[in-house]
């Protein structure tokens, strides 16, 4: 019992010391592209310090609200949207450290890759290409990512 009280006492002292020591609070801000629907219950991205967390993005044709017929055009729309979100945070595609691609048809892997490769100047981020169930609006790809400012 005495040992337990000592452990809790030390933890309490360390906690008070950390909060009293002027620990730097990391700023958090939402990044939203112009034209984003205000009623959507999420941000395009959230930046915490030098790290940017990008929400899942799908590639819809802005004129029709549907995915384009071409798989490659849809991939470009998704990646262009990610690129625009990164730019709004002062980052580039080369700041991405991990990318997750959700796709109901994993046979599209190579077609997605043919477009994806052109968006990077340096080394590629870590990535997963995950088979999924149906995506919203009939999309073939939903991509989410994490970037760290260099």
Foldseek 3Di string as FASTA:
>chain_A
DVVVVVVVVVVVVVVVCCVVVCPDAWDKDAFADPPPDPPDPDGQWMDTHQKIWGFWFWQADPVPRAQDPDLLNRLVSRVVSVQVSQVSVVHFQQQWAEKEKEFQDCVCVVVSVVNVVVRDDDDHHHYYYHHDHADPRRTGIIMITMGGHD
